[in-house]
Amino acid sequence: MLQRPRRRDLRGQVVVITGASTGIGRATALECAVRGARVVLAARNTDTLNQVAQEIEALGGTGLTVPTDVSDRAQVQALMDAAVARFGRIDVLVNHAGDMFVDSVEHSEERRVRHLIETNVMGVLYGVQAAIPVMRRQGSGHIINTSSVEGRVGFPFSGIYAGTKAFVEVMTQSLRQELMHVEHSGITVSALLPAAVRTPLFDTAPNVTAGGNGAHLVWPVMEASQVARALVNAMERPRPVIYPLAPSRAFVLLYDTFPGLADQVLSALRVDRHVNVMSYPQRGTDLTRRPISPVIRNGRLHDT
């Protein structure tokens, strides 16, 4: 009989988060800080990273900023080295940095495809390969790779993005088997599979099909803070796959059981333009970057 994993106390733990400047990454960093973790913040934009570090300090936490482009292996290695130099260890790595664009598979430009592969695929792989030796020496650690529900099922006009997330999802399965069940390394491995989340990515993503920037959110939509809470809960009670929105599993089940019907249903969920009530135009406001007035209740962060 499988036992429920023992709850891990995050107080004093060292959590490295890539893509930590906005959206889910930022929300996760704040949630970790509230629960007592020491947070290493990585992203390309130094100014926004410093803003997040200031928010962490306002919550009484400790944050270290390390500007990092995850598509550069040397920079990812430098990130891990900086975390160890400052705190002596890495307890959790959240490989979250990623990008997307909106276009048909047929017309996706090579330069955009390669950019997504370098960021969403190689960036995750670099993080995994740099963190494992540190965690192996410790005899413990937790690697969490951000995939997506789109790593399991596809939607129109985001096929290249979905393909990169499918790589992350299946690679994470293999990594989990290798580290947890073959090697028994003491390293835990999880995949995060969020559905549509209101983040800056949906404001800035190139929408080649419609022209300009901005993708449409498709139902059901979550806030970054909801995903962060589920993610940090899984740091405390690890599990192989993290679905922040449990009903989104229905998309996967539908495709696995009735793929033809799933294609008809999922083709109505368009990220390129508004076509029905299930496609949400962006509000033009980055809700995740607004100043927060944090309230802590029962050891959890709540935005007001």
C-alpha atoms as a PDB file:
ATOM      1  CA  MET A   1       0.000   0.000   0.000  1.00  0.00           C
ATOM      2  CA  LEU A   2       1.359   3.415  -1.000  1.00  0.00           C
ATOM      3  CA  GLN A   3       1.938   5.749   1.909  1.00  0.00           C
ATOM      4  CA  ARG A   4       1.344   9.460   1.765  1.00  0.00           C
ATOM      5  CA  PRO A   5       4.755  11.178   1.669  1.00  0.00           C
ATOM      6  CA  ARG A   6       5.843  12.877   4.858  1.00  0.00           C
ATOM      7  CA  ARG A   7       5.479  16.650   4.816  1.00  0.00           C
ATOM      8  CA  ARG A   8       8.766  18.486   4.266  1.00  0.00           C
ATOM      9  CA  ASP A   9       9.385  21.697   6.167  1.00  0.00           C
ATOM     10  CA  LEU A  10      10.545  24.407   3.746  1.00  0.00           C
ATOM     11  CA  ARG A  11      12.015  26.585   6.494  1.00  0.00           C
ATOM     12  CA  GLY A  12      15.683  27.125   5.704  1.00  0.00           C
ATOM     13  CA  GLN A  13      15.477  25.169   2.444  1.00  0.00           C
ATOM     14  CA  VAL A  14      17.222  26.601  -0.637  1.00  0.00           C
ATOM     15  CA  VAL A  15      14.908  26.895  -3.639  1.00  0.00           C
ATOM     16  CA  VAL A  16      16.267  27.896  -7.069  1.00  0.00           C
ATOM     17  CA  ILE A  17      13.633  29.203  -9.489  1.00  0.00           C
ATOM     18  CA  THR A  18      14.243  30.056 -13.134  1.00  0.00           C
ATOM     19  CA  GLY A  19      11.818  32.438 -14.805  1.00  0.00           C
ATOM     20  CA  ALA A  20      11.339  34.025 -11.386  1.00  0.00           C
ATOM     21  CA  SER A  21      10.783  37.631 -12.436  1.00  0.00           C
ATOM     22  CA  THR A  22       7.075  37.470 -13.354  1.00  0.00           C
ATOM     23  CA  GLY A  23       4.021  35.247 -13.431  1.00  0.00           C
ATOM     24  CA  ILE A  24       4.145  31.798 -11.898  1.00  0.00           C
ATOM     25  CA  GLY A  25       7.871  32.081 -11.127  1.00  0.00           C
ATOM     26  CA  ARG A  26       7.439  35.269  -9.135  1.00  0.00           C
ATOM     27  CA  ALA A  27       4.364  33.965  -7.329  1.00  0.00           C
ATOM     28  CA  THR A  28       6.229  30.766  -6.439  1.00  0.00           C
ATOM     29  CA  ALA A  29       9.175  32.740  -5.094  1.00  0.00           C
ATOM     30  CA  LEU A  30       6.889  34.769  -2.828  1.00  0.00           C
ATOM     31  CA  GLU A  31       5.054  31.661  -1.635  1.00  0.00           C
ATOM     32  CA  CYS A  32       8.355  29.944  -0.842  1.00  0.00           C
ATOM     33  CA  ALA A  33       9.540  32.990   1.084  1.00  0.00           C
ATOM     34  CA  VAL A  34       6.387  33.047   3.182  1.00  0.00           C
ATOM     35  CA  ARG A  35       6.985  29.420   4.113  1.00  0.00           C
ATOM     36  CA  GLY A  36      10.536  30.174   5.228  1.00  0.00           C
ATOM     37  CA  ALA A  37      12.614  29.078   2.242  1.00  0.00           C
ATOM     38  CA  ARG A  38      15.683  30.900   1.010  1.00  0.00           C
ATOM     39  CA  VAL A  39      15.043  31.706  -2.646  1.00  0.00           C
ATOM     40  CA  VAL A  40      17.494  32.031  -5.534  1.00  0.00           C
ATOM     41  CA  LEU A  41      15.860  34.064  -8.312  1.00  0.00           C
ATOM     42  CA  ALA A  42      16.908  33.589 -11.924  1.00  0.00           C
ATOM     43  CA  ALA A  43      15.688  35.343 -15.085  1.00  0.00           C
ATOM     44  CA  ARG A  44      17.120  37.535 -17.816  1.00  0.00           C
ATOM     45  CA  ASN A  45      15.790  40.882 -16.553  1.00  0.00           C
ATOM     46  CA  THR A  46      17.864  42.176 -13.655  1.00  0.00           C
ATOM     47  CA  ASP A  47      15.496  45.007 -12.753  1.00  0.00           C
ATOM     48  CA  THR A  48      12.436  42.801 -12.342  1.00  0.00           C
ATOM     49  CA  LEU A  49      14.466  40.212 -10.440  1.00  0.00           C
ATOM     50  CA  ASN A  50      15.551  42.894  -7.995  1.00  0.00           C
ATOM     51  CA  GLN A  51      11.930  43.961  -7.543  1.00  0.00           C
ATOM     52  CA  VAL A  52      10.972  40.404  -6.621  1.00  0.00           C
ATOM     53  CA  ALA A  53      13.895  40.223  -4.210  1.00  0.00           C
ATOM     54  CA  GLN A  54      12.621  43.407  -2.543  1.00  0.00           C
ATOM     55  CA  GLU A  55       9.157  41.856  -2.217  1.00  0.00           C
ATOM     56  CA  ILE A  56      10.708  38.792  -0.607  1.00  0.00           C
ATOM     57  CA  GLU A  57      12.614  40.951   1.855  1.00  0.00           C
ATOM     58  CA  ALA A  58       9.385  42.811   2.677  1.00  0.00           C
ATOM     59  CA  LEU A  59       7.924  39.435   3.628  1.00  0.00           C
ATOM     60  CA  GLY A  60      10.872  38.776   5.939  1.00  0.00           C
ATOM     61  CA  GLY A  61      12.512  36.323   3.553  1.00  0.00           C
ATOM     62  CA  THR A  62      15.912  35.935   1.935  1.00  0.00           C
ATOM     63  CA  GLY A  63      16.400  36.234  -1.822  1.00  0.00           C
ATOM     64  CA  LEU A  64      19.464  36.030  -4.050  1.00  0.00           C
ATOM     65  CA  THR A  65      19.207  37.337  -7.612  1.00  0.00           C
ATOM     66  CA  VAL A  66      21.288  35.742 -10.369  1.00  0.00           C
ATOM     67  CA  PRO A  67      20.520  37.120 -13.854  1.00  0.00           C
ATOM     68  CA  THR A  68      20.410  34.063 -16.113  1.00  0.00           C
ATOM     69  CA  ASP A  69      19.577  33.200 -19.705  1.00  0.00           C
ATOM     70  CA  VAL A  70      18.669  29.520 -19.466  1.00  0.00           C
ATOM     71  CA  SER A  71      19.454  28.942 -23.151  1.00  0.00           C
ATOM     72  CA  ASP A  72      23.145  29.384 -22.235  1.00  0.00           C
ATOM     73  CA  ARG A  73      24.544  26.321 -20.448  1.00  0.00           C
ATOM     74  CA  ALA A  74      27.386  28.324 -18.862  1.00  0.00           C
ATOM     75  CA  GLN A  75      24.941  30.791 -17.322  1.00  0.00           C
ATOM     76  CA  VAL A  76      22.824  27.973 -15.896  1.00  0.00           C
ATOM     77  CA  GLN A  77      25.919  26.383 -14.379  1.00  0.00           C
ATOM     78  CA  ALA A  78      26.889  29.761 -12.933  1.00  0.00           C
ATOM     79  CA  LEU A  79      23.415  29.994 -11.370  1.00  0.00           C
ATOM     80  CA  MET A  80      23.869  26.679  -9.533  1.00  0.00           C
ATOM     81  CA  ASP A  81      27.383  27.645  -8.496  1.00  0.00           C
ATOM     82  CA  ALA A  82      26.119  30.952  -7.086  1.00  0.00           C
ATOM     83  CA  ALA A  83      23.402  29.196  -5.087  1.00  0.00           C
ATOM     84  CA  VAL A  84      25.900  26.768  -3.572  1.00  0.00           C
ATOM     85  CA  ALA A  85      28.457  29.513  -2.912  1.00  0.00           C
ATOM     86  CA  ARG A  86      25.873  31.569  -1.001  1.00  0.00           C
ATOM     87  CA  PHE A  87      23.840  28.889   0.777  1.00  0.00           C
ATOM     88  CA  GLY A  88      25.924  25.712   0.571  1.00  0.00           C
ATOM     89  CA  ARG A  89      23.266  23.570  -1.082  1.00  0.00           C
ATOM     90  CA  ILE A  90      20.270  23.348  -3.429  1.00  0.00           C
ATOM     91  CA  ASP A  91      17.216  21.656  -1.979  1.00  0.00           C
ATOM     92  CA  VAL A  92      14.690  22.408  -4.736  1.00  0.00           C
ATOM     93  CA  LEU A  93      15.154  23.403  -8.377  1.00  0.00           C
ATOM     94  CA  VAL A  94      12.127  24.760 -10.232  1.00  0.00           C
ATOM     95  CA  ASN A  95      12.903  24.760 -13.953  1.00  0.00           C
ATOM     96  CA  HIS A  96      10.218  27.221 -14.948  1.00  0.00           C
ATOM     97  CA  ALA A  97      11.663  29.673 -17.502  1.00  0.00           C
ATOM     98  CA  GLY A  98       9.953  29.374 -20.865  1.00  0.00           C
ATOM     99  CA  ASP A  99       8.545  31.178 -23.870  1.00  0.00           C
ATOM    100  CA  MET A 100       5.903  30.705 -26.568  1.00  0.00           C
ATOM    101  CA  PHE A 101       4.577  32.020 -29.860  1.00  0.00           C
ATOM    102  CA  VAL A 102       1.284  31.600 -31.689  1.00  0.00           C
ATOM    103  CA  ASP A 103       1.323  30.257 -35.241  1.00  0.00           C
ATOM    104  CA  SER A 104       0.288  27.224 -37.240  1.00  0.00           C
ATOM    105  CA  VAL A 105       2.667  24.288 -37.364  1.00  0.00           C
ATOM    106  CA  GLU A 106       2.908  24.699 -41.133  1.00  0.00           C
ATOM    107  CA  HIS A 107       4.046  28.311 -41.039  1.00  0.00           C
ATOM    108  CA  SER A 108       6.173  28.327 -37.871  1.00  0.00           C
ATOM    109  CA  GLU A 109       9.450  30.045 -38.716  1.00  0.00           C
ATOM    110  CA  GLU A 110      12.638  28.168 -38.021  1.00  0.00           C
ATOM    111  CA  ARG A 111      14.121  30.978 -35.932  1.00  0.00           C
ATOM    112  CA  ARG A 112      11.083  30.975 -33.618  1.00  0.00           C
ATOM    113  CA  VAL A 113      11.114  27.185 -33.356  1.00  0.00           C
ATOM    114  CA  ARG A 114      14.803  27.129 -32.498  1.00  0.00           C
ATOM    115  CA  HIS A 115      14.318  29.841 -29.876  1.00  0.00           C
ATOM    116  CA  LEU A 116      11.630  27.763 -28.153  1.00  0.00           C
ATOM    117  CA  ILE A 117      13.777  24.651 -28.279  1.00  0.00           C
ATOM    118  CA  GLU A 118      16.763  26.515 -26.825  1.00  0.00           C
ATOM    119  CA  THR A 119      14.651  28.022 -24.020  1.00  0.00           C
ATOM    120  CA  ASN A 120      11.932  25.471 -23.217  1.00  0.00           C
ATOM    121  CA  VAL A 121      13.879  22.288 -23.952  1.00  0.00           C
ATOM    122  CA  MET A 122      17.592  22.947 -23.584  1.00  0.00           C
ATOM    123  CA  GLY A 123      17.061  25.406 -20.730  1.00  0.00           C
ATOM    124  CA  VAL A 124      15.334  22.703 -18.679  1.00  0.00           C
ATOM    125  CA  LEU A 125      17.929  20.101 -19.594  1.00  0.00           C
ATOM    126  CA  TYR A 126      20.791  22.430 -18.620  1.00  0.00           C
ATOM    127  CA  GLY A 127      19.139  23.030 -15.255  1.00  0.00           C
ATOM    128  CA  VAL A 128      18.653  19.334 -14.597  1.00  0.00           C
ATOM    129  CA  GLN A 129      22.206  18.437 -15.554  1.00  0.00           C
ATOM    130  CA  ALA A 130      23.719  21.242 -13.449  1.00  0.00           C
ATOM    131  CA  ALA A 131      21.650  20.498 -10.335  1.00  0.00           C
ATOM    132  CA  ILE A 132      21.940  16.702 -10.176  1.00  0.00           C
ATOM    133  CA  PRO A 133      25.630  16.571  -9.097  1.00  0.00           C
ATOM    134  CA  VAL A 134      24.913  19.024  -6.257  1.00  0.00           C
ATOM    135  CA  MET A 135      21.866  17.093  -5.062  1.00  0.00           C
ATOM    136  CA  ARG A 136      23.611  13.735  -5.436  1.00  0.00           C
ATOM    137  CA  ARG A 137      26.419  14.916  -3.150  1.00  0.00           C
ATOM    138  CA  GLN A 138      23.794  16.014  -0.628  1.00  0.00           C
ATOM    139  CA  GLY A 139      21.901  12.743  -0.951  1.00  0.00           C
ATOM    140  CA  SER A 140      18.679  14.695  -1.381  1.00  0.00           C
ATOM    141  CA  GLY A 141      16.920  17.271  -3.509  1.00  0.00           C
ATOM    142  CA  HIS A 142      13.793  17.922  -5.535  1.00  0.00           C
ATOM    143  CA  ILE A 143      13.696  18.819  -9.238  1.00  0.00           C
ATOM    144  CA  ILE A 144      10.427  20.257 -10.554  1.00  0.00           C
ATOM    145  CA  ASN A 145      10.150  20.818 -14.304  1.00  0.00           C
ATOM    146  CA  THR A 146       7.350  22.985 -15.670  1.00  0.00           C
ATOM    147  CA  SER A 147       5.580  21.248 -18.503  1.00  0.00           C
ATOM    148  CA  SER A 148       1.928  22.003 -19.293  1.00  0.00           C
ATOM    149  CA  VAL A 149      -1.369  20.310 -19.967  1.00  0.00           C
ATOM    150  CA  GLU A 150      -0.267  21.056 -23.538  1.00  0.00           C
ATOM    151  CA  GLY A 151       2.547  18.611 -22.953  1.00  0.00           C
ATOM    152  CA  ARG A 152      -0.148  15.932 -22.957  1.00  0.00           C
ATOM    153  CA  VAL A 153      -2.751  17.308 -25.390  1.00  0.00           C
ATOM    154  CA  GLY A 154      -2.458  19.792 -28.245  1.00  0.00           C
ATOM    155  CA  PHE A 155      -4.408  22.916 -29.109  1.00  0.00           C
ATOM    156  CA  PRO A 156      -4.464  24.718 -32.459  1.00  0.00           C
ATOM    157  CA  PHE A 157      -1.800  27.346 -33.212  1.00  0.00           C
ATOM    158  CA  SER A 158       0.444  26.483 -30.269  1.00  0.00           C
ATOM    159  CA  GLY A 159       1.794  23.185 -31.575  1.00  0.00           C
ATOM    160  CA  ILE A 160       5.485  24.066 -31.337  1.00  0.00           C
ATOM    161  CA  TYR A 161       5.086  25.270 -27.758  1.00  0.00           C
ATOM    162  CA  ALA A 162       3.150  22.084 -26.950  1.00  0.00           C
ATOM    163  CA  GLY A 163       5.893  20.000 -28.522  1.00  0.00           C
ATOM    164  CA  THR A 164       8.531  21.548 -26.263  1.00  0.00           C
ATOM    165  CA  LYS A 165       6.352  20.893 -23.233  1.00  0.00           C
ATOM    166  CA  ALA A 166       5.806  17.286 -24.328  1.00  0.00           C
ATOM    167  CA  PHE A 167       9.589  16.880 -24.308  1.00  0.00           C
ATOM    168  CA  VAL A 168       9.740  18.226 -20.757  1.00  0.00           C
ATOM    169  CA  GLU A 169       6.916  15.964 -19.575  1.00  0.00           C
ATOM    170  CA  VAL A 170       8.331  12.698 -20.987  1.00  0.00           C
ATOM    171  CA  MET A 171      11.957  13.558 -20.192  1.00  0.00           C
ATOM    172  CA  THR A 172      10.861  14.192 -16.598  1.00  0.00           C
ATOM    173  CA  GLN A 173       9.240  10.749 -16.464  1.00  0.00           C
ATOM    174  CA  SER A 174      12.505   9.121 -17.543  1.00  0.00           C
ATOM    175  CA  LEU A 175      14.533  11.272 -15.159  1.00  0.00           C
ATOM    176  CA  ARG A 176      12.252  10.293 -12.279  1.00  0.00           C
ATOM    177  CA  GLN A 177      12.696   6.605 -13.072  1.00  0.00           C
ATOM    178  CA  GLU A 178      16.472   6.942 -13.344  1.00  0.00           C
ATOM    179  CA  LEU A 179      17.037   8.928 -10.161  1.00  0.00           C
ATOM    180  CA  MET A 180      14.307   7.568  -7.917  1.00  0.00           C
ATOM    181  CA  HIS A 181      13.817   3.937  -8.931  1.00  0.00           C
ATOM    182  CA  VAL A 182      17.058   2.834 -10.586  1.00  0.00           C
ATOM    183  CA  GLU A 183      19.697   4.823  -8.720  1.00  0.00           C
ATOM    184  CA  HIS A 184      17.735   5.484  -5.503  1.00  0.00           C
ATOM    185  CA  SER A 185      19.668   8.748  -5.362  1.00  0.00           C
ATOM    186  CA  GLY A 186      17.472  10.484  -2.801  1.00  0.00           C
ATOM    187  CA  ILE A 187      16.483  13.056  -5.457  1.00  0.00           C
ATOM    188  CA  THR A 188      12.767  13.525  -6.055  1.00  0.00           C
ATOM    189  CA  VAL A 189      11.513  14.508  -9.515  1.00  0.00           C
ATOM    190  CA  SER A 190       8.170  16.099 -10.407  1.00  0.00           C
ATOM    191  CA  ALA A 191       6.461  17.600 -13.451  1.00  0.00           C
ATOM    192  CA  LEU A 192       4.170  20.637 -13.162  1.00  0.00           C
ATOM    193  CA  LEU A 193       1.271  20.625 -15.642  1.00  0.00           C
ATOM    194  CA  PRO A 194      -0.710  23.873 -15.393  1.00  0.00           C
ATOM    195  CA  ALA A 195      -3.550  24.769 -17.723  1.00  0.00           C
ATOM    196  CA  ALA A 196      -4.099  28.350 -18.950  1.00  0.00           C
ATOM    197  CA  VAL A 197      -2.671  30.833 -16.441  1.00  0.00           C
ATOM    198  CA  ARG A 198      -3.038  34.611 -16.527  1.00  0.00           C
ATOM    199  CA  THR A 199       0.611  35.699 -16.823  1.00  0.00           C
ATOM    200  CA  PRO A 200       2.632  38.258 -18.819  1.00  0.00           C
ATOM    201  CA  LEU A 201       3.466  35.541 -21.357  1.00  0.00           C
ATOM    202  CA  PHE A 202      -0.013  35.920 -22.806  1.00  0.00           C
ATOM    203  CA  ASP A 203       0.559  39.652 -23.265  1.00  0.00           C
ATOM    204  CA  THR A 204       3.988  39.440 -24.877  1.00  0.00           C
ATOM    205  CA  ALA A 205       3.910  36.241 -26.960  1.00  0.00           C
ATOM    206  CA  PRO A 206       4.191  36.912 -30.705  1.00  0.00           C
ATOM    207  CA  ASN A 207       0.821  36.164 -32.302  1.00  0.00           C
ATOM    208  CA  VAL A 208       1.967  35.567 -35.856  1.00  0.00           C
ATOM    209  CA  THR A 209      -1.401  34.248 -37.002  1.00  0.00           C
ATOM    210  CA  ALA A 210      -3.339  37.333 -35.927  1.00  0.00           C
ATOM    211  CA  GLY A 211      -0.478  39.814 -36.217  1.00  0.00           C
ATOM    212  CA  GLY A 212       1.171  41.643 -33.332  1.00  0.00           C
ATOM    213  CA  ASN A 213       1.584  40.280 -29.819  1.00  0.00           C
ATOM    214  CA  GLY A 214      -0.741  38.673 -27.308  1.00  0.00           C
ATOM    215  CA  ALA A 215      -2.328  35.246 -27.071  1.00  0.00           C
ATOM    216  CA  HIS A 216      -5.851  34.459 -25.938  1.00  0.00           C
ATOM    217  CA  LEU A 217      -6.364  32.540 -22.749  1.00  0.00           C
ATOM    218  CA  VAL A 218      -8.613  29.520 -23.101  1.00  0.00           C
ATOM    219  CA  TRP A 219     -10.958  28.109 -20.493  1.00  0.00           C
ATOM    220  CA  PRO A 220     -10.370  27.208 -17.708  1.00  0.00           C
ATOM    221  CA  VAL A 221      -8.135  30.095 -16.565  1.00  0.00           C
ATOM    222  CA  MET A 222      -6.099  30.166 -13.346  1.00  0.00           C
ATOM    223  CA  GLU A 223      -4.172  32.919 -11.560  1.00  0.00           C
ATOM    224  CA  ALA A 224      -0.430  32.593 -11.000  1.00  0.00           C
ATOM    225  CA  SER A 225      -0.881  32.581  -7.224  1.00  0.00           C
ATOM    226  CA  GLN A 226      -3.104  29.487  -7.460  1.00  0.00           C
ATOM    227  CA  VAL A 227      -0.494  27.595  -9.445  1.00  0.00           C
ATOM    228  CA  ALA A 228       2.262  28.727  -7.082  1.00  0.00           C
ATOM    229  CA  ARG A 229       0.337  27.481  -4.067  1.00  0.00           C
ATOM    230  CA  ALA A 230      -0.135  24.044  -5.649  1.00  0.00           C
ATOM    231  CA  LEU A 231       3.525  23.946  -6.657  1.00  0.00           C
ATOM    232  CA  VAL A 232       4.850  24.835  -3.210  1.00  0.00           C
ATOM    233  CA  ASN A 233       2.409  22.400  -1.605  1.00  0.00           C
ATOM    234  CA  ALA A 234       4.075  19.742  -3.764  1.00  0.00           C
ATOM    235  CA  MET A 235       7.480  20.802  -2.462  1.00  0.00           C
ATOM    236  CA  GLU A 236       6.194  20.033   1.014  1.00  0.00           C
ATOM    237  CA  ARG A 237       4.435  16.826  -0.026  1.00  0.00           C
ATOM    238  CA  PRO A 238       6.162  15.654  -3.234  1.00  0.00           C
ATOM    239  CA  ARG A 239       4.262  13.848  -5.951  1.00  0.00           C
ATOM    240  CA  PRO A 240       5.263  12.795  -9.474  1.00  0.00           C
ATOM    241  CA  VAL A 241       2.824  14.984 -11.407  1.00  0.00           C
ATOM    242  CA  ILE A 242       1.357  18.274 -10.203  1.00  0.00           C
ATOM    243  CA  TYR A 243      -1.958  19.353 -11.711  1.00  0.00           C
ATOM    244  CA  PRO A 244      -2.765  22.766 -10.177  1.00  0.00           C
ATOM    245  CA  LEU A 245      -6.228  22.525 -11.716  1.00  0.00           C
ATOM    246  CA  ALA A 246      -7.528  18.996 -11.201  1.00  0.00           C
ATOM    247  CA  PRO A 247     -10.332  19.193 -13.838  1.00  0.00           C
ATOM    248  CA  SER A 248      -7.708  19.800 -16.544  1.00  0.00           C
ATOM    249  CA  ARG A 249      -6.912  16.098 -16.307  1.00  0.00           C
ATOM    250  CA  ALA A 250     -10.182  15.589 -18.150  1.00  0.00           C
ATOM    251  CA  PHE A 251      -8.566  16.879 -21.352  1.00  0.00           C
ATOM    252  CA  VAL A 252      -5.891  14.190 -21.086  1.00  0.00           C
ATOM    253  CA  LEU A 253      -8.407  11.466 -20.299  1.00  0.00           C
ATOM    254  CA  LEU A 254     -10.624  12.556 -23.199  1.00  0.00           C
ATOM    255  CA  TYR A 255      -7.740  12.404 -25.660  1.00  0.00           C
ATOM    256  CA  ASP A 256      -6.458   9.049 -24.380  1.00  0.00           C
ATOM    257  CA  THR A 257      -9.954   7.533 -24.572  1.00  0.00           C
ATOM    258  CA  PHE A 258     -11.592   9.267 -27.532  1.00  0.00           C
ATOM    259  CA  PRO A 259      -8.886  11.046 -29.584  1.00  0.00           C
ATOM    260  CA  GLY A 260     -11.171  11.865 -32.499  1.00  0.00           C
ATOM    261  CA  LEU A 261     -13.742  13.503 -30.241  1.00  0.00           C
ATOM    262  CA  ALA A 262     -10.957  15.263 -28.335  1.00  0.00           C
ATOM    263  CA  ASP A 263      -9.670  16.797 -31.564  1.00  0.00           C
ATOM    264  CA  GLN A 264     -13.095  18.272 -32.260  1.00  0.00           C
ATOM    265  CA  VAL A 265     -13.437  19.673 -28.739  1.00  0.00           C
ATOM    266  CA  LEU A 266      -9.898  20.985 -28.359  1.00  0.00           C
ATOM    267  CA  SER A 267      -9.901  22.629 -31.788  1.00  0.00           C
ATOM    268  CA  ALA A 268     -12.435  25.096 -30.388  1.00  0.00           C
ATOM    269  CA  LEU A 269      -9.907  26.320 -27.813  1.00  0.00           C
ATOM    270  CA  ARG A 270      -8.113  28.920 -29.907  1.00  0.00           C
ATOM    271  CA  VAL A 271      -5.172  30.949 -28.587  1.00  0.00           C
ATOM    272  CA  ASP A 272      -4.788  32.976 -31.780  1.00  0.00           C
ATOM    273  CA  ARG A 273      -8.092  34.884 -31.660  1.00  0.00           C
ATOM    274  CA  HIS A 274     -11.470  35.116 -29.988  1.00  0.00           C
ATOM    275  CA  VAL A 275     -13.833  32.603 -31.546  1.00  0.00           C
ATOM    276  CA  ASN A 276     -16.173  31.558 -28.727  1.00  0.00           C
ATOM    277  CA  VAL A 277     -16.948  32.025 -25.041  1.00  0.00           C
ATOM    278  CA  MET A 278     -14.117  29.638 -24.101  1.00  0.00           C
ATOM    279  CA  SER A 279     -11.449  31.938 -25.584  1.00  0.00           C
ATOM    280  CA  TYR A 280     -10.561  34.907 -23.412  1.00  0.00           C
ATOM    281  CA  PRO A 281      -8.959  38.027 -24.912  1.00  0.00           C
ATOM    282  CA  GLN A 282      -6.161  39.355 -22.713  1.00  0.00           C
ATOM    283  CA  ARG A 283      -7.199  42.180 -20.436  1.00  0.00           C
ATOM    284  CA  GLY A 284      -4.093  44.204 -21.312  1.00  0.00           C
ATOM    285  CA  THR A 285      -3.052  44.253 -17.644  1.00  0.00           C
ATOM    286  CA  ASP A 286      -0.341  42.179 -16.080  1.00  0.00           C
ATOM    287  CA  LEU A 287      -2.143  41.201 -12.906  1.00  0.00           C
ATOM    288  CA  THR A 288       0.841  39.245 -11.619  1.00  0.00           C
ATOM    289  CA  ARG A 289       3.129  42.310 -11.614  1.00  0.00           C
ATOM    290  CA  ARG A 290       0.855  44.615  -9.645  1.00  0.00           C
ATOM    291  CA  PRO A 291       2.145  45.611  -6.192  1.00  0.00           C
ATOM    292  CA  ILE A 292       0.859  43.149  -3.647  1.00  0.00           C
ATOM    293  CA  SER A 293      -0.393  43.772  -0.157  1.00  0.00           C
ATOM    294  CA  PRO A 294       0.453  40.382   1.316  1.00  0.00           C
ATOM    295  CA  VAL A 295      -1.596  38.954   4.132  1.00  0.00           C
ATOM    296  CA  ILE A 296      -0.326  35.810   5.807  1.00  0.00           C
ATOM    297  CA  ARG A 297      -2.921  33.422   7.183  1.00  0.00           C
ATOM    298  CA  ASN A 298      -2.034  29.986   8.510  1.00  0.00           C
ATOM    299  CA  GLY A 299       1.424  30.210   6.981  1.00  0.00           C
ATOM    300  CA  ARG A 300       0.106  30.959   3.501  1.00  0.00           C
ATOM    301  CA  LEU A 301       0.370  34.054   1.311  1.00  0.00           C
ATOM    302  CA  HIS A 302      -2.829  35.737   0.182  1.00  0.00           C
ATOM    303  CA  ASP A 303      -2.908  38.736  -2.156  1.00  0.00           C
ATOM    304  CA  THR A 304      -5.312  41.523  -1.294  1.00  0.00           C
END
